[in-house]
Amino acid sequence: MNKVTVVFWGSLVILLFIVGFGVVMPIGLENATSSLRDWIAETLGWYYLMIVSVFALVCLFFAVSPYGKIKLGKPEDKPDYNYATWFAMLFSAGMGIGLVFWGVAEPISHAMISSPTTEPGTNQAILDSMRFTFFHWGVHAWSIYAIVALILAYFKFRRGAPGLVSSTLEPLFGKHTQGLLGHVVDIIVVTATVIGVASSLGFGAVQINGGIDYLLGVGNNIVIQAIIIAVVTVLFMISAYSGLNKGIKYLSNTNLTLALLIFLYMLIVGPTLYTMNLFTNTIGTYLQTLPSMSFRLSPLNDEGRAWIDGWTLFYWAWWIAWAPFVGSFIARVSKGRTLREFVLGVLFVPCIVGFLWFSVFGGTAIFLEDANISAISELATEEVLFGVFSNFPLGLVMSYVAITLIGTFFITSADSGTFILGMQTTGGSLNPSRVIKLVWGLMLSATALILLYTGGMQALENALIIVALPFSIIMILMVFSLFKALAQERKSDRASKKA
């Protein structure tokens, strides 16, 4: 069998086994994933903190070093998309559902339910809630995406390699990347991509269900979530059939428009001065305390360590699990940009947007609760956004707009996911067949549904942390491989100049 066949069927068999296990023994799958997640968090928490910080430093190095002049492509290549469309694609693929789901939920949780540093409900808890939210969605998170995307784009567009993770390891392992080692790497990548994207689709289905239930009282259960997933599956497969330049491009711009609409609405009708003061203050404390937050593990405090396991390690695992998907997609749309331009764009622009988003939505929720106007923290996680809207004029209308936004983010993520999975299982083809995309679209939806069925949101978190571990090792190898390739390129350039 050729490499394409091995990767496609190998990945599909593993994922079908997981789905089948969940159908036949849902409790068994939940117990197994919970036990493995606990072991990883307790044993390898230090490892996740260390490697993510290293990835961030590597990205910053490329932004300031002479390597920043290197183009992701041939010298004559120009970017395929203008800045506005490029940023819209980054925003939609990289944050999407997660930003809307956690925009209110995370800050209000840190401030009023479980503070990372102090007693919930205090002024210090409020300030720290935003600082740690910025940390989880800031430079560290985007550096994970940027590392994978940069390396894939470099090897694909500058060296003419297939758009596969295994191909980026050629400087380290040579021809072995075409054999068993390459098969294993690409199967891990595909499995991580499916679990990562399916988990986010699960979060989206839960929040859509939560919003509809909050507004209409239809109930919040797996049956309704299954219906939501089924409907959205049909919609994103239609979008996938239209191709990257049509479906994803138009959806990305729609996402940006709707997100900007609800952001401006909340900024104007909400406690604007409060949220902007909170944003400005948190930028300062985030920058001041970034080193200490980066390596904070609380080894002598069980309660503090449990918080880190449940939040920071979960997020780092989520970003790593999403990195094959988001990295491949960002690489695909970043041809023609320099390393410096790429790093500055991917690392900092989405961070600022995210920080503003959390300050406005999370800050508004904290203001409402701190002023005893509305007990937002008493709502279910998937309902808190709609609880915030209910306190302002046109809140009902904006809730429906938010549900629409979640739906379009859902479609964009799944649409992009089918393309990336198709590319990864067809030898790096930039035009995978519709049949292949259909298979992976159905696999994404089935995996999301099974994870919800076997344990709801906790099962989604467990799966992310587990699947991130093997891919994190591959990411480390990718970084070493890139530096070796850059050293080879510099040596070749020097030799040609002497000649």
Protein backbone atom coordinates (compact mmCIF):
# COMPACT_ATOMS: atom_id res chain seq x y z
CA MET A 1 0.00 0.00 0.00
CA ASN A 2 1.21 3.53 -0.70
CA LYS A 3 1.56 6.21 1.95
CA VAL A 4 -1.77 7.84 1.14
CA THR A 5 -3.64 4.57 1.61
CA VAL A 6 -1.82 3.73 4.85
CA VAL A 7 -2.47 7.13 6.44
CA PHE A 8 -6.10 7.32 5.34
CA TRP A 9 -7.11 3.84 6.45
CA GLY A 10 -4.85 3.75 9.49
CA SER A 11 -6.36 6.98 10.84
CA LEU A 12 -9.89 5.96 9.95
CA VAL A 13 -9.61 2.57 11.70
CA ILE A 14 -8.29 4.18 14.92
CA LEU A 15 -11.07 6.76 14.97
CA LEU A 16 -13.78 4.24 14.12
CA PHE A 17 -12.53 2.11 17.02
CA ILE A 18 -12.87 5.09 19.38
CA VAL A 19 -16.36 5.88 18.09
CA GLY A 20 -17.39 2.22 18.28
CA PHE A 21 -15.99 1.89 21.80
CA GLY A 22 -18.03 4.95 22.81
CA VAL A 23 -21.22 3.51 21.34
CA VAL A 24 -20.84 0.05 22.93
CA MET A 25 -19.21 1.04 26.24
CA PRO A 26 -19.76 4.76 26.90
CA ILE A 27 -18.97 4.49 30.61
CA GLY A 28 -15.85 2.48 29.87
CA LEU A 29 -14.60 5.10 27.42
CA GLU A 30 -15.32 7.88 29.89
CA ASN A 31 -13.47 6.09 32.71
CA ALA A 32 -10.50 5.26 30.49
CA THR A 33 -10.10 8.82 29.20
CA SER A 34 -10.53 10.30 32.70
CA SER A 35 -7.84 8.06 34.17
CA LEU A 36 -5.39 8.80 31.36
CA ARG A 37 -6.08 12.53 31.55
CA ASP A 38 -5.43 12.54 35.31
CA TRP A 39 -2.14 10.71 34.86
CA ILE A 40 -0.96 13.12 32.16
CA ALA A 41 -1.90 16.19 34.22
CA GLU A 42 -0.22 14.93 37.40
CA THR A 43 2.90 13.51 35.75
CA LEU A 44 3.56 15.79 32.78
CA GLY A 45 2.16 19.16 33.81
CA TRP A 46 5.69 20.59 34.00
CA TYR A 47 6.37 19.33 30.47
CA TYR A 48 3.42 21.18 28.93
CA LEU A 49 4.38 24.45 30.64
CA MET A 50 8.00 24.17 29.51
CA ILE A 51 7.42 23.32 25.85
CA VAL A 52 4.71 25.93 25.27
CA SER A 53 6.99 28.63 26.70
CA VAL A 54 9.79 27.41 24.43
CA PHE A 55 7.48 27.62 21.40
CA ALA A 56 6.68 31.24 22.31
CA LEU A 57 10.37 32.11 22.57
CA VAL A 58 11.12 30.48 19.22
CA CYS A 59 8.41 32.55 17.54
CA LEU A 60 9.75 35.76 19.07
CA PHE A 61 13.22 34.81 17.87
CA PHE A 62 12.00 34.62 14.27
CA ALA A 63 10.31 38.00 14.63
CA VAL A 64 13.55 39.79 15.56
CA SER A 65 16.31 37.70 13.98
CA PRO A 66 17.76 37.97 10.44
CA TYR A 67 15.74 34.84 9.60
CA GLY A 68 12.69 37.10 9.62
CA LYS A 69 13.50 38.24 6.08
CA ILE A 70 13.02 34.75 4.67
CA LYS A 71 9.86 34.42 2.59
CA LEU A 72 7.41 31.55 2.92
CA GLY A 73 7.68 30.81 -0.75
CA LYS A 74 9.86 31.73 -3.71
CA PRO A 75 11.32 35.27 -3.87
CA GLU A 76 8.76 36.31 -6.47
CA ASP A 77 5.71 34.87 -4.64
CA LYS A 78 3.03 37.31 -3.48
CA PRO A 79 0.38 36.70 -0.76
CA ASP A 80 -2.83 35.11 -2.04
CA TYR A 81 -5.04 37.19 0.28
CA ASN A 82 -5.04 40.80 1.43
CA TYR A 83 -4.54 41.60 5.10
CA ALA A 84 -8.25 41.95 5.92
CA THR A 85 -9.19 38.55 4.48
CA TRP A 86 -6.05 36.94 5.95
CA PHE A 87 -6.84 38.21 9.45
CA ALA A 88 -10.46 37.13 9.06
CA MET A 89 -9.34 33.61 8.19
CA LEU A 90 -6.92 33.54 11.15
CA PHE A 91 -9.67 34.73 13.47
CA SER A 92 -12.26 32.24 12.24
CA ALA A 93 -10.05 29.16 12.12
CA GLY A 94 -7.91 29.84 15.17
CA MET A 95 -10.34 31.07 17.80
CA GLY A 96 -13.90 30.82 16.52
CA ILE A 97 -16.18 28.80 18.73
CA GLY A 98 -13.75 28.84 21.65
CA LEU A 99 -13.70 32.64 21.83
CA VAL A 100 -17.50 32.88 21.87
CA PHE A 101 -17.89 29.93 24.26
CA TRP A 102 -15.35 31.12 26.82
CA GLY A 103 -15.63 34.92 26.30
CA VAL A 104 -17.88 35.30 29.32
CA ALA A 105 -17.50 31.87 30.91
CA GLU A 106 -13.79 31.96 31.74
CA PRO A 107 -13.46 35.45 33.30
CA ILE A 108 -16.63 35.05 35.37
CA SER A 109 -15.46 31.64 36.59
CA HIS A 110 -12.04 32.92 37.68
CA ALA A 111 -13.56 35.99 39.32
CA MET A 112 -16.61 34.55 41.08
CA ILE A 113 -16.37 30.75 41.24
CA SER A 114 -12.77 29.57 41.49
CA SER A 115 -9.97 32.12 41.58
CA PRO A 116 -6.44 31.03 40.62
CA THR A 117 -4.87 33.09 43.40
CA THR A 118 -7.29 34.36 46.05
CA GLU A 119 -10.85 34.38 47.45
CA PRO A 120 -13.51 34.50 44.68
CA GLY A 121 -15.54 37.68 44.49
CA THR A 122 -12.80 40.00 45.76
CA ASN A 123 -11.27 42.86 43.81
CA GLN A 124 -8.03 40.93 43.49
CA ALA A 125 -9.90 37.92 42.12
CA ILE A 126 -11.49 40.15 39.48
CA LEU A 127 -8.14 41.57 38.39
CA ASP A 128 -6.47 38.15 38.37
CA SER A 129 -9.35 36.62 36.42
CA MET A 130 -8.61 38.82 33.44
CA ARG A 131 -4.84 38.41 33.75
CA PHE A 132 -5.05 34.63 33.57
CA THR A 133 -7.65 34.75 30.80
CA PHE A 134 -5.26 36.87 28.74
CA PHE A 135 -2.52 34.34 29.53
CA HIS A 136 -4.60 31.41 28.28
CA TRP A 137 -5.57 33.17 25.04
CA GLY A 138 -2.45 35.22 24.42
CA VAL A 139 1.03 34.84 22.98
CA HIS A 140 1.54 31.31 24.28
CA ALA A 141 -1.62 30.00 22.65
CA TRP A 142 -0.94 31.58 19.29
CA SER A 143 2.72 30.56 19.33
CA ILE A 144 1.59 26.94 19.25
CA TYR A 145 -0.39 27.59 16.08
CA ALA A 146 2.34 29.79 14.62
CA ILE A 147 5.11 27.20 15.07
CA VAL A 148 3.23 24.49 13.19
CA ALA A 149 1.98 26.86 10.50
CA LEU A 150 5.36 28.48 9.93
CA ILE A 151 7.17 25.16 9.60
CA LEU A 152 4.57 23.67 7.26
CA ALA A 153 4.54 26.79 5.09
CA TYR A 154 8.34 26.95 4.93
CA PHE A 155 8.74 23.37 3.76
CA LYS A 156 5.72 23.48 1.44
CA PHE A 157 6.21 26.79 -0.32
CA ARG A 158 9.96 27.35 -0.05
CA ARG A 159 11.32 23.81 -0.42
CA GLY A 160 8.48 22.32 -2.46
CA ALA A 161 7.71 19.53 0.03
CA PRO A 162 4.24 17.95 0.34
CA GLY A 163 2.02 19.77 2.85
CA LEU A 164 2.44 17.02 5.43
CA VAL A 165 3.88 17.15 8.92
CA SER A 166 6.01 14.09 8.19
CA SER A 167 7.67 15.95 5.28
CA THR A 168 8.90 18.67 7.65
CA LEU A 169 11.02 16.09 9.48
CA GLU A 170 13.07 15.15 6.40
CA PRO A 171 16.17 17.13 7.51
CA LEU A 172 16.26 15.01 10.69
CA PHE A 173 15.26 11.57 9.44
CA GLY A 174 15.86 11.64 5.69
CA LYS A 175 14.16 8.91 3.65
CA HIS A 176 12.62 7.38 6.78
CA THR A 177 9.89 10.05 6.56
CA GLN A 178 8.65 8.19 3.49
CA GLY A 179 8.34 4.88 5.37
CA LEU A 180 6.92 3.63 8.65
CA LEU A 181 8.05 6.66 10.65
CA GLY A 182 6.26 9.02 8.26
CA HIS A 183 3.12 6.88 8.36
CA VAL A 184 3.03 6.96 12.16
CA VAL A 185 3.60 10.72 12.29
CA ASP A 186 0.84 11.49 9.80
CA ILE A 187 -1.62 9.10 11.47
CA ILE A 188 -0.98 10.85 14.80
CA VAL A 189 -1.53 14.20 13.09
CA VAL A 190 -4.84 13.12 11.53
CA THR A 191 -6.09 11.61 14.80
CA ALA A 192 -5.14 14.76 16.73
CA THR A 193 -6.85 16.92 14.12
CA VAL A 194 -10.10 14.96 14.27
CA ILE A 195 -10.18 14.97 18.08
CA GLY A 196 -9.25 18.64 18.28
CA VAL A 197 -11.80 19.86 15.75
CA ALA A 198 -14.51 17.46 16.97
CA SER A 199 -14.07 18.72 20.53
CA SER A 200 -14.59 22.30 19.45
CA LEU A 201 -17.64 21.27 17.43
CA GLY A 202 -18.92 19.63 20.59
CA PHE A 203 -18.47 22.87 22.52
CA GLY A 204 -20.30 24.71 19.75
CA ALA A 205 -23.23 22.29 19.80
CA VAL A 206 -23.48 22.58 23.58
CA GLN A 207 -23.53 26.37 23.45
CA ILE A 208 -26.06 26.54 20.63
CA ASN A 209 -28.24 24.17 22.65
CA GLY A 210 -27.67 26.26 25.78
CA GLY A 211 -28.64 29.45 23.99
CA ILE A 212 -31.80 27.99 22.49
CA ASP A 213 -32.75 26.49 25.85
CA TYR A 214 -32.12 29.78 27.65
CA LEU A 215 -34.28 31.66 25.15
CA LEU A 216 -37.01 29.11 24.42
CA GLY A 217 -36.81 26.49 27.20
CA VAL A 218 -36.52 23.55 24.80
CA GLY A 219 -34.23 21.56 27.09
CA ASN A 220 -30.51 20.89 27.09
CA ASN A 221 -29.63 17.30 26.27
CA ILE A 222 -27.77 14.99 23.92
CA VAL A 223 -30.78 14.54 21.61
CA ILE A 224 -31.00 18.24 20.80
CA GLN A 225 -27.22 18.45 20.49
CA ALA A 226 -27.30 15.53 18.04
CA ILE A 227 -29.91 17.33 15.94
CA ILE A 228 -27.76 20.49 15.95
CA ILE A 229 -24.70 18.53 14.86
CA ALA A 230 -26.69 16.79 12.10
CA VAL A 231 -28.04 20.07 10.71
CA VAL A 232 -24.67 21.79 10.82
CA THR A 233 -23.01 18.75 9.22
CA VAL A 234 -25.20 19.16 6.15
CA LEU A 235 -24.43 22.88 6.01
CA PHE A 236 -20.66 22.58 6.36
CA MET A 237 -20.52 19.78 3.79
CA ILE A 238 -22.28 22.07 1.32
CA SER A 239 -19.71 24.74 2.12
CA ALA A 240 -16.84 22.24 1.78
CA TYR A 241 -18.02 21.28 -1.68
CA SER A 242 -17.78 24.90 -2.81
CA GLY A 243 -13.99 24.98 -2.21
CA LEU A 244 -11.57 27.02 -0.12
CA ASN A 245 -11.70 30.25 -2.07
CA LYS A 246 -15.49 30.38 -2.03
CA GLY A 247 -17.00 28.70 1.02
CA ILE A 248 -14.36 29.33 3.67
CA LYS A 249 -13.52 32.81 2.41
CA TYR A 250 -17.13 33.98 2.48
CA LEU A 251 -17.84 32.31 5.82
CA SER A 252 -14.73 33.85 7.36
CA ASN A 253 -15.83 37.33 6.32
CA THR A 254 -19.36 36.62 7.61
CA ASN A 255 -17.91 35.51 10.94
CA LEU A 256 -15.86 38.67 11.22
CA THR A 257 -18.88 40.84 10.44
CA LEU A 258 -21.15 39.15 12.99
CA ALA A 259 -18.42 39.08 15.65
CA LEU A 260 -17.73 42.78 15.09
CA LEU A 261 -21.47 43.51 15.36
CA ILE A 262 -21.96 41.88 18.76
CA PHE A 263 -18.62 43.22 20.00
CA LEU A 264 -19.52 46.83 19.14
CA TYR A 265 -22.99 46.33 20.59
CA MET A 266 -21.63 45.18 23.94
CA LEU A 267 -18.90 47.82 23.94
CA ILE A 268 -21.49 50.58 23.44
CA VAL A 269 -24.38 49.43 25.64
CA GLY A 270 -22.24 47.79 28.32
CA PRO A 271 -20.11 49.46 31.04
CA THR A 272 -17.65 50.86 28.49
CA LEU A 273 -15.41 52.79 30.90
CA TYR A 274 -15.21 49.79 33.24
CA THR A 275 -14.28 47.32 30.52
CA MET A 276 -11.71 49.63 28.88
CA ASN A 277 -10.08 50.37 32.23
CA LEU A 278 -9.99 46.63 32.89
CA PHE A 279 -8.47 46.00 29.46
CA THR A 280 -5.74 48.62 29.91
CA ASN A 281 -4.85 47.53 33.43
CA THR A 282 -4.76 43.85 32.47
CA ILE A 283 -2.43 44.47 29.51
CA GLY A 284 0.07 45.87 32.00
CA THR A 285 -0.25 43.09 34.58
CA TYR A 286 -0.19 40.46 31.83
CA LEU A 287 3.13 41.74 30.50
CA GLN A 288 4.56 42.16 34.01
CA THR A 289 3.65 38.68 35.23
CA LEU A 290 3.97 36.70 32.00
CA PRO A 291 7.18 34.87 33.05
CA SER A 292 5.75 33.78 36.42
CA MET A 293 2.43 32.68 34.90
CA SER A 294 4.27 30.75 32.21
CA PHE A 295 5.93 28.44 34.72
CA ARG A 296 3.38 28.47 37.55
CA LEU A 297 2.66 24.91 38.72
CA SER A 298 1.87 25.26 42.47
CA PRO A 299 3.70 22.06 43.54
CA LEU A 300 2.98 22.66 47.25
CA ASN A 301 -0.66 23.70 46.94
CA ASP A 302 -3.14 20.97 45.97
CA GLU A 303 -5.99 23.41 45.32
CA GLY A 304 -3.80 25.65 43.18
CA ARG A 305 -2.45 22.67 41.27
CA ALA A 306 -5.98 21.40 40.60
CA TRP A 307 -6.89 24.81 39.15
CA ILE A 308 -3.85 24.74 36.86
CA ASP A 309 -4.67 21.19 35.72
CA GLY A 310 -8.26 22.17 34.97
CA TRP A 311 -7.48 25.42 33.16
CA THR A 312 -3.91 26.08 32.02
CA LEU A 313 -2.99 22.49 31.13
CA PHE A 314 -6.38 22.00 29.48
CA TYR A 315 -5.82 25.06 27.32
CA TRP A 316 -2.26 24.16 26.34
CA ALA A 317 -3.47 20.70 25.38
CA TRP A 318 -6.38 22.20 23.43
CA TRP A 319 -4.09 24.48 21.44
CA ILE A 320 -1.68 21.63 20.75
CA ALA A 321 -4.51 19.31 19.66
CA TRP A 322 -5.81 22.05 17.35
CA ALA A 323 -2.34 22.91 16.03
CA PRO A 324 -2.27 20.36 13.15
CA PHE A 325 -5.58 21.71 11.87
CA VAL A 326 -5.09 25.43 12.49
CA GLY A 327 -1.41 25.28 11.57
CA SER A 328 -2.15 23.55 8.26
CA PHE A 329 -4.89 26.03 7.46
CA ILE A 330 -2.83 29.11 8.38
CA ALA A 331 0.09 27.75 6.35
CA ARG A 332 -2.21 27.24 3.37
CA VAL A 333 -3.36 30.89 3.38
CA SER A 334 0.04 32.48 4.24
CA LYS A 335 2.08 31.81 1.14
CA GLY A 336 4.26 34.74 0.11
CA ARG A 337 4.67 36.38 3.52
CA THR A 338 8.03 36.76 5.27
CA LEU A 339 8.74 34.96 8.54
CA ARG A 340 8.69 38.28 10.40
CA GLU A 341 5.44 39.40 8.79
CA PHE A 342 3.93 35.98 9.47
CA VAL A 343 4.93 35.86 13.14
CA LEU A 344 3.81 39.42 13.87
CA GLY A 345 0.51 38.85 12.12
CA VAL A 346 -0.29 35.42 13.57
CA LEU A 347 1.06 36.08 17.05
CA PHE A 348 -0.06 39.59 17.94
CA VAL A 349 -3.09 40.67 15.90
CA PRO A 350 -5.37 37.84 17.11
CA CYS A 351 -4.07 38.34 20.67
CA ILE A 352 -5.17 41.98 20.77
CA VAL A 353 -8.55 41.09 19.29
CA GLY A 354 -8.98 38.33 21.86
CA PHE A 355 -7.95 40.57 24.75
CA LEU A 356 -10.51 43.20 23.73
CA TRP A 357 -13.17 40.51 23.35
CA PHE A 358 -12.61 39.07 26.82
CA SER A 359 -12.40 42.51 28.40
CA VAL A 360 -15.72 43.61 26.91
CA PHE A 361 -17.72 40.41 27.41
CA GLY A 362 -16.03 39.02 30.50
CA GLY A 363 -15.67 42.47 32.03
CA THR A 364 -19.37 43.20 31.48
CA ALA A 365 -20.36 39.93 33.18
CA ILE A 366 -18.09 40.67 36.14
CA PHE A 367 -19.51 44.20 36.39
CA LEU A 368 -23.09 42.89 36.45
CA GLU A 369 -22.30 40.39 39.20
CA ASP A 370 -20.04 42.64 41.27
CA ALA A 371 -22.74 45.34 41.26
CA ASN A 372 -25.41 42.75 42.27
CA ILE A 373 -27.34 43.38 39.07
CA SER A 374 -27.32 39.79 37.77
CA ALA A 375 -25.89 36.51 39.11
CA ILE A 376 -24.20 35.47 35.87
CA SER A 377 -21.97 32.90 37.57
CA GLU A 378 -25.01 30.86 38.68
CA LEU A 379 -25.93 30.06 35.07
CA ALA A 380 -24.63 27.01 33.22
CA THR A 381 -21.34 27.59 31.37
CA GLU A 382 -23.02 27.45 27.97
CA GLU A 383 -25.69 29.99 29.02
CA VAL A 384 -23.64 32.80 30.56
CA LEU A 385 -23.24 34.77 27.32
CA PHE A 386 -27.00 34.86 26.84
CA GLY A 387 -27.44 35.79 30.49
CA VAL A 388 -25.29 38.87 29.91
CA PHE A 389 -27.29 39.89 26.81
CA SER A 390 -30.56 39.64 28.77
CA ASN A 391 -29.54 42.66 30.89
CA PHE A 392 -29.37 45.09 27.98
CA PRO A 393 -31.66 46.55 25.29
CA LEU A 394 -32.07 44.34 22.22
CA GLY A 395 -30.61 41.50 24.26
CA LEU A 396 -32.94 38.95 22.70
CA VAL A 397 -31.98 40.02 19.18
CA MET A 398 -28.28 39.88 20.02
CA SER A 399 -28.69 36.42 21.53
CA TYR A 400 -30.02 35.16 18.20
CA VAL A 401 -27.18 36.92 16.39
CA ALA A 402 -24.72 35.18 18.76
CA ILE A 403 -26.31 31.79 18.06
CA THR A 404 -25.95 32.50 14.34
CA LEU A 405 -22.30 33.45 14.88
CA ILE A 406 -21.62 30.23 16.78
CA GLY A 407 -23.26 28.34 13.93
CA THR A 408 -21.14 30.02 11.25
CA PHE A 409 -18.00 29.46 13.33
CA PHE A 410 -19.09 25.83 13.67
CA ILE A 411 -19.46 25.53 9.89
CA THR A 412 -16.16 27.31 9.20
CA SER A 413 -14.19 25.10 11.60
CA ALA A 414 -15.71 21.91 10.24
CA ASP A 415 -15.37 23.10 6.62
CA SER A 416 -11.70 23.94 7.16
CA GLY A 417 -11.23 20.68 9.06
CA THR A 418 -12.50 18.54 6.19
CA PHE A 419 -10.14 20.31 3.81
CA ILE A 420 -7.11 19.89 6.09
CA LEU A 421 -7.91 16.23 6.82
CA GLY A 422 -8.37 15.60 3.13
CA MET A 423 -5.01 17.20 2.43
CA GLN A 424 -3.27 15.21 5.18
CA THR A 425 -4.63 11.89 3.93
CA THR A 426 -3.99 12.43 0.21
CA GLY A 427 -0.26 13.06 0.31
CA GLY A 428 -0.57 16.83 0.85
CA SER A 429 -2.91 17.53 -2.07
CA LEU A 430 -4.28 21.07 -2.07
CA ASN A 431 -7.41 19.81 -3.83
CA PRO A 432 -8.59 16.66 -2.01
CA SER A 433 -11.54 14.89 -3.58
CA ARG A 434 -15.08 15.56 -2.43
CA VAL A 435 -15.50 11.95 -1.37
CA ILE A 436 -12.50 12.20 0.96
CA LYS A 437 -13.82 15.43 2.45
CA LEU A 438 -17.24 13.83 2.91
CA VAL A 439 -15.72 10.91 4.83
CA TRP A 440 -13.82 13.22 7.16
CA GLY A 441 -16.79 15.53 7.60
CA LEU A 442 -18.91 12.61 8.79
CA MET A 443 -16.04 11.42 11.01
CA LEU A 444 -15.75 14.84 12.66
CA SER A 445 -19.45 14.94 13.45
CA ALA A 446 -19.56 11.33 14.67
CA THR A 447 -16.58 11.90 16.97
CA ALA A 448 -18.07 15.09 18.41
CA LEU A 449 -21.36 13.32 19.07
CA ILE A 450 -19.71 10.29 20.72
CA LEU A 451 -17.60 12.45 22.99
CA LEU A 452 -20.68 14.36 24.11
CA TYR A 453 -22.61 11.11 24.56
CA THR A 454 -19.94 9.49 26.72
CA GLY A 455 -19.26 12.38 29.08
CA GLY A 456 -20.32 15.77 27.82
CA MET A 457 -17.88 18.65 28.16
CA GLN A 458 -15.60 16.71 30.49
CA ALA A 459 -15.11 14.03 27.84
CA LEU A 460 -14.20 16.74 25.32
CA GLU A 461 -11.54 18.10 27.69
CA ASN A 462 -10.18 14.61 28.44
CA ALA A 463 -9.82 13.76 24.76
CA LEU A 464 -7.96 17.00 24.04
CA ILE A 465 -5.39 16.52 26.79
CA ILE A 466 -4.73 12.90 25.78
CA VAL A 467 -4.33 13.46 22.04
CA ALA A 468 -2.09 16.51 22.56
CA LEU A 469 0.70 14.49 24.17
CA PRO A 470 2.01 12.56 21.13
CA PHE A 471 1.68 15.55 18.83
CA SER A 472 3.61 17.76 21.25
CA ILE A 473 6.61 15.47 20.76
CA ILE A 474 6.24 15.79 16.99
CA MET A 475 6.15 19.59 17.37
CA ILE A 476 9.49 19.54 19.20
CA LEU A 477 11.02 17.50 16.38
CA MET A 478 9.57 19.93 13.84
CA VAL A 479 11.34 22.85 15.52
CA PHE A 480 14.70 21.08 15.46
CA SER A 481 14.11 20.13 11.84
CA LEU A 482 13.35 23.73 10.86
CA PHE A 483 16.54 25.06 12.43
CA LYS A 484 18.56 22.38 10.66
CA ALA A 485 16.90 23.28 7.34
CA LEU A 486 17.57 27.00 7.89
CA ALA A 487 21.22 26.25 8.69
CA GLN A 488 21.45 24.24 5.47
CA GLU A 489 19.88 27.11 3.51
CA ARG A 490 22.30 29.65 5.00
CA LYS A 491 25.27 27.41 4.22
CA SER A 492 24.04 26.98 0.64
CA ASP A 493 23.57 30.75 0.22
CA ARG A 494 27.09 31.45 1.45
CA ALA A 495 28.53 28.86 -0.91
CA SER A 496 26.68 30.32 -3.89
CA LYS A 497 27.89 33.85 -3.06
CA LYS A 498 31.50 32.68 -2.91
CA ALA A 499 31.07 30.95 -6.24
